[in-house]
């Protein structure tokens, strides 16, 4: 996988997590643990993207 493909894959996953967080938040009884888990995953991806871009 090339660097550009990796970046694009991470951006796609980041966006999917954003959608998942939004959907969970809008549920009648959102699962706070699930939201926190999704946010942590999203932050890890954001950090990885930042590291790749720095290089």
PDB file of N, CA and C in Angstrom:
ATOM      1  N   UNK A   1       0.848  -1.170   0.000  1.00  0.00           N
ATOM      2  CA  UNK A   1       0.000   0.000   0.000  1.00  0.00           C
ATOM      3  C   UNK A   1       0.895   1.234   0.000  1.00  0.00           C
ATOM      4  N   UNK A   2       0.654   2.118  -0.942  1.00  0.00           N
ATOM      5  CA  UNK A   2       1.456   3.335  -1.018  1.00  0.00           C
ATOM      6  C   UNK A   2       1.041   4.301   0.094  1.00  0.00           C
ATOM      7  N   UNK A   3       1.859   5.295   0.305  1.00  0.00           N
ATOM      8  CA  UNK A   3       1.596   6.284   1.347  1.00  0.00           C
ATOM      9  C   UNK A   3       0.286   7.021   1.078  1.00  0.00           C
ATOM     10  N   UNK A   4       0.054   7.375  -0.175  1.00  0.00           N
ATOM     11  CA  UNK A   4      -1.176   8.086  -0.534  1.00  0.00           C
ATOM     12  C   UNK A   4      -2.406   7.218  -0.266  1.00  0.00           C
ATOM     13  N   UNK A   5      -2.289   5.935  -0.583  1.00  0.00           N
ATOM     14  CA  UNK A   5      -3.402   5.013  -0.333  1.00  0.00           C
ATOM     15  C   UNK A   5      -3.655   4.873   1.167  1.00  0.00           C
ATOM     16  N   UNK A   6      -2.587   4.814   1.939  1.00  0.00           N
ATOM     17  CA  UNK A   6      -2.714   4.705   3.401  1.00  0.00           C
ATOM     18  C   UNK A   6      -3.407   5.941   3.970  1.00  0.00           C
ATOM     19  N   UNK A   7      -2.990   7.113   3.507  1.00  0.00           N
ATOM     20  CA  UNK A   7      -3.602   8.357   3.974  1.00  0.00           C
ATOM     21  C   UNK A   7      -5.084   8.382   3.614  1.00  0.00           C
ATOM     22  N   UNK A   8      -5.408   8.012   2.396  1.00  0.00           N
ATOM     23  CA  UNK A   8      -6.802   8.005   1.953  1.00  0.00           C
ATOM     24  C   UNK A   8      -7.629   7.004   2.762  1.00  0.00           C
ATOM     25  N   UNK A   9      -7.062   5.837   3.047  1.00  0.00           N
ATOM     26  CA  UNK A   9      -7.766   4.830   3.845  1.00  0.00           C
ATOM     27  C   UNK A   9      -8.023   5.349   5.262  1.00  0.00           C
ATOM     28  N   UNK A  10      -7.042   6.019   5.832  1.00  0.00           N
ATOM     29  CA  UNK A  10      -7.215   6.573   7.173  1.00  0.00           C
ATOM     30  C   UNK A  10      -8.273   7.676   7.183  1.00  0.00           C
ATOM     31  N   UNK A  11      -8.265   8.518   6.165  1.00  0.00           N
ATOM     32  CA  UNK A  11      -9.273   9.582   6.074  1.00  0.00           C
ATOM     33  C   UNK A  11     -10.670   8.993   5.940  1.00  0.00           C
ATOM     34  N   UNK A  12     -10.789   7.928   5.156  1.00  0.00           N
ATOM     35  CA  UNK A  12     -12.081   7.268   4.977  1.00  0.00           C
ATOM     36  C   UNK A  12     -12.568   6.672   6.295  1.00  0.00           C
ATOM     37  N   UNK A  13     -11.669   6.016   7.004  1.00  0.00           N
ATOM     38  CA  UNK A  13     -12.040   5.419   8.290  1.00  0.00           C
ATOM     39  C   UNK A  13     -12.399   6.506   9.303  1.00  0.00           C
ATOM     40  N   UNK A  14     -11.656   7.610   9.287  1.00  0.00           N
ATOM     41  CA  UNK A  14     -11.922   8.738  10.181  1.00  0.00           C
ATOM     42  C   UNK A  14     -13.334   9.272   9.939  1.00  0.00           C
ATOM     43  N   UNK A  15     -13.699   9.421   8.675  1.00  0.00           N
ATOM     44  CA  UNK A  15     -15.031   9.916   8.322  1.00  0.00           C
ATOM     45  C   UNK A  15     -16.110   8.918   8.754  1.00  0.00           C
ATOM     46  N   UNK A  16     -15.858   7.635   8.562  1.00  0.00           N
ATOM     47  CA  UNK A  16     -16.825   6.607   8.961  1.00  0.00           C
ATOM     48  C   UNK A  16     -17.041   6.630  10.477  1.00  0.00           C
ATOM     49  N   UNK A  17     -15.970   6.836  11.222  1.00  0.00           N
ATOM     50  CA  UNK A  17     -16.097   6.921  12.675  1.00  0.00           C
ATOM     51  C   UNK A  17     -16.889   8.161  13.080  1.00  0.00           C
ATOM     52  N   UNK A  18     -16.681   9.253  12.371  1.00  0.00           N
ATOM     53  CA  UNK A  18     -17.432  10.474  12.643  1.00  0.00           C
ATOM     54  C   UNK A  18     -18.933  10.235  12.456  1.00  0.00           C
ATOM     55  N   UNK A  19     -19.282   9.533  11.392  1.00  0.00           N
ATOM     56  CA  UNK A  19     -20.685   9.198  11.125  1.00  0.00           C
ATOM     57  C   UNK A  19     -21.227   8.280  12.220  1.00  0.00           C
ATOM     58  N   UNK A  20     -20.441   7.292  12.615  1.00  0.00           N
ATOM     59  CA  UNK A  20     -20.872   6.356  13.651  1.00  0.00           C
ATOM     60  C   UNK A  20     -21.101   7.075  14.984  1.00  0.00           C
ATOM     61  N   UNK A  21     -20.230   8.010  15.309  1.00  0.00           N
ATOM     62  CA  UNK A  21     -20.387   8.793  16.538  1.00  0.00           C
ATOM     63  C   UNK A  21     -21.675   9.607  16.470  1.00  0.00           C
ATOM     64  N   UNK A  22     -21.907  10.241  15.350  1.00  0.00           N
ATOM     65  CA  UNK A  22     -23.122  11.049  15.162  1.00  0.00           C
ATOM     66  C   UNK A  22     -24.375  10.182  15.299  1.00  0.00           C
ATOM     67  N   UNK A  23     -24.360   9.012  14.684  1.00  0.00           N
ATOM     68  CA  UNK A  23     -25.515   8.113  14.754  1.00  0.00           C
ATOM     69  C   UNK A  23     -25.764   7.648  16.186  1.00  0.00           C
ATOM     70  N   UNK A  24     -24.710   7.280  16.876  1.00  0.00           N
ATOM     71  CA  UNK A  24     -24.858   6.805  18.256  1.00  0.00           C
ATOM     72  C   UNK A  24     -25.349   7.932  19.162  1.00  0.00           C
ATOM     73  N   UNK A  25     -24.852   9.131  18.949  1.00  0.00           N
ATOM     74  CA  UNK A  25     -25.250  10.283  19.753  1.00  0.00           C
ATOM     75  C   UNK A  25     -26.732  10.598  19.570  1.00  0.00           C
ATOM     76  N   UNK A  26     -27.247  10.388  18.368  1.00  0.00           N
ATOM     77  CA  UNK A  26     -28.636  10.727  18.065  1.00  0.00           C
ATOM     78  C   UNK A  26     -29.635   9.632  18.432  1.00  0.00           C
ATOM     79  N   UNK A  27     -29.162   8.503  18.903  1.00  0.00           N
ATOM     80  CA  UNK A  27     -30.069   7.430  19.332  1.00  0.00           C
ATOM     81  C   UNK A  27     -30.834   7.870  20.578  1.00  0.00           C
ATOM     82  N   UNK A  28     -32.015   7.302  20.810  1.00  0.00           N
ATOM     83  CA  UNK A  28     -32.788   7.668  22.011  1.00  0.00           C
ATOM     84  C   UNK A  28     -32.022   7.422  23.318  1.00  0.00           C
ATOM     85  N   UNK A  29     -31.263   6.339  23.382  1.00  0.00           N
ATOM     86  CA  UNK A  29     -30.470   6.029  24.580  1.00  0.00           C
ATOM     87  C   UNK A  29     -29.040   5.716  24.147  1.00  0.00           C
ATOM     88  N   UNK A  30     -28.253   6.770  23.871  1.00  0.00           N
ATOM     89  CA  UNK A  30     -26.889   6.534  23.386  1.00  0.00           C
ATOM     90  C   UNK A  30     -26.027   5.811  24.423  1.00  0.00           C
ATOM     91  N   UNK A  31     -25.147   4.977  23.915  1.00  0.00           N
ATOM     92  CA  UNK A  31     -24.221   4.216  24.752  1.00  0.00           C
ATOM     93  C   UNK A  31     -22.950   5.048  24.932  1.00  0.00           C
ATOM     94  N   UNK A  32     -22.782   5.608  26.117  1.00  0.00           N
ATOM     95  CA  UNK A  32     -21.635   6.479  26.383  1.00  0.00           C
ATOM     96  C   UNK A  32     -20.309   5.751  26.209  1.00  0.00           C
ATOM     97  N   UNK A  33     -20.275   4.479  26.596  1.00  0.00           N
ATOM     98  CA  UNK A  33     -19.048   3.696  26.436  1.00  0.00           C
ATOM     99  C   UNK A  33     -18.706   3.544  24.954  1.00  0.00           C
ATOM    100  N   UNK A  34     -19.700   3.265  24.135  1.00  0.00           N
ATOM    101  CA  UNK A  34     -19.483   3.111  22.686  1.00  0.00           C
ATOM    102  C   UNK A  34     -19.007   4.424  22.071  1.00  0.00           C
ATOM    103  N   UNK A  35     -19.614   5.525  22.477  1.00  0.00           N
ATOM    104  CA  UNK A  35     -19.216   6.838  21.960  1.00  0.00           C
ATOM    105  C   UNK A  35     -17.764   7.123  22.335  1.00  0.00           C
ATOM    106  N   UNK A  36     -17.396   6.864  23.579  1.00  0.00           N
ATOM    107  CA  UNK A  36     -16.016   7.093  24.023  1.00  0.00           C
ATOM    108  C   UNK A  36     -15.042   6.227  23.239  1.00  0.00           C
ATOM    109  N   UNK A  37     -15.413   4.981  23.006  1.00  0.00           N
ATOM    110  CA  UNK A  37     -14.559   4.069  22.244  1.00  0.00           C
ATOM    111  C   UNK A  37     -14.368   4.560  20.810  1.00  0.00           C
ATOM    112  N   UNK A  38     -15.454   4.984  20.186  1.00  0.00           N
ATOM    113  CA  UNK A  38     -15.371   5.494  18.811  1.00  0.00           C
ATOM    114  C   UNK A  38     -14.507   6.753  18.748  1.00  0.00           C
ATOM    115  N   UNK A  39     -14.661   7.625  19.734  1.00  0.00           N
ATOM    116  CA  UNK A  39     -13.872   8.861  19.759  1.00  0.00           C
ATOM    117  C   UNK A  39     -12.381   8.562  19.934  1.00  0.00           C
ATOM    118  N   UNK A  40     -12.059   7.559  20.755  1.00  0.00           N
ATOM    119  CA  UNK A  40     -10.653   7.172  20.937  1.00  0.00           C
ATOM    120  C   UNK A  40     -10.069   6.633  19.636  1.00  0.00           C
ATOM    121  N   UNK A  41     -10.845   5.814  18.934  1.00  0.00           N
ATOM    122  CA  UNK A  41     -10.390   5.288  17.639  1.00  0.00           C
ATOM    123  C   UNK A  41     -10.154   6.434  16.659  1.00  0.00           C
ATOM    124  N   UNK A  42     -11.086   7.378  16.639  1.00  0.00           N
ATOM    125  CA  UNK A  42     -10.985   8.520  15.730  1.00  0.00           C
ATOM    126  C   UNK A  42      -9.735   9.348  16.055  1.00  0.00           C
ATOM    127  N   UNK A  43      -9.463   9.546  17.338  1.00  0.00           N
ATOM    128  CA  UNK A  43      -8.282  10.305  17.750  1.00  0.00           C
ATOM    129  C   UNK A  43      -6.993   9.586  17.358  1.00  0.00           C
ATOM    130  N   UNK A  44      -6.968   8.247  17.510  1.00  0.00           N
ATOM    131  CA  UNK A  44      -5.782   7.482  17.100  1.00  0.00           C
ATOM    132  C   UNK A  44      -5.510   7.663  15.612  1.00  0.00           C
ATOM    133  N   UNK A  45      -6.562   7.635  14.818  1.00  0.00           N
ATOM    134  CA  UNK A  45      -6.410   7.805  13.373  1.00  0.00           C
ATOM    135  C   UNK A  45      -5.929   9.215  13.058  1.00  0.00           C
ATOM    136  N   UNK A  46      -6.490  10.207  13.737  1.00  0.00           N
ATOM    137  CA  UNK A  46      -6.067  11.590  13.524  1.00  0.00           C
ATOM    138  C   UNK A  46      -4.583  11.757  13.858  1.00  0.00           C
ATOM    139  N   UNK A  47      -4.156  11.158  14.965  1.00  0.00           N
ATOM    140  CA  UNK A  47      -2.745  11.219  15.355  1.00  0.00           C
ATOM    141  C   UNK A  47      -1.854  10.528  14.327  1.00  0.00           C
ATOM    142  N   UNK A  48      -2.303   9.383  13.829  1.00  0.00           N
ATOM    143  CA  UNK A  48      -1.527   8.663  12.817  1.00  0.00           C
ATOM    144  C   UNK A  48      -1.407   9.488  11.535  1.00  0.00           C
ATOM    145  N   UNK A  49      -2.504  10.121  11.138  1.00  0.00           N
ATOM    146  CA  UNK A  49      -2.465  10.982   9.950  1.00  0.00           C
ATOM    147  C   UNK A  49      -1.485  12.137  10.153  1.00  0.00           C
ATOM    148  N   UNK A  50      -1.528  12.741  11.322  1.00  0.00           N
ATOM    149  CA  UNK A  50      -0.627  13.856  11.615  1.00  0.00           C
ATOM    150  C   UNK A  50       0.829  13.407  11.566  1.00  0.00           C
ATOM    151  N   UNK A  51       1.113  12.226  12.081  1.00  0.00           N
ATOM    152  CA  UNK A  51       2.473  11.688  12.064  1.00  0.00           C
ATOM    153  C   UNK A  51       2.944  11.447  10.633  1.00  0.00           C
ATOM    154  N   UNK A  52       2.078  10.877   9.823  1.00  0.00           N
ATOM    155  CA  UNK A  52       2.434  10.595   8.426  1.00  0.00           C
ATOM    156  C   UNK A  52       2.697  11.890   7.669  1.00  0.00           C
ATOM    157  N   UNK A  53       1.840  12.871   7.867  1.00  0.00           N
ATOM    158  CA  UNK A  53       1.978  14.139   7.149  1.00  0.00           C
ATOM    159  C   UNK A  53       3.261  14.864   7.561  1.00  0.00           C
ATOM    160  N   UNK A  54       3.648  14.755   8.848  1.00  0.00           N
ATOM    161  CA  UNK A  54       4.879  15.390   9.332  1.00  0.00           C
ATOM    162  C   UNK A  54       6.116  14.852   8.627  1.00  0.00           C
ATOM    163  N   UNK A  55       6.103  13.562   8.317  1.00  0.00           N
ATOM    164  CA  UNK A  55       7.271  12.926   7.720  1.00  0.00           C
ATOM    165  C   UNK A  55       7.407  13.414   6.354  1.00  0.00           C
TER     166      UNK A  55
END
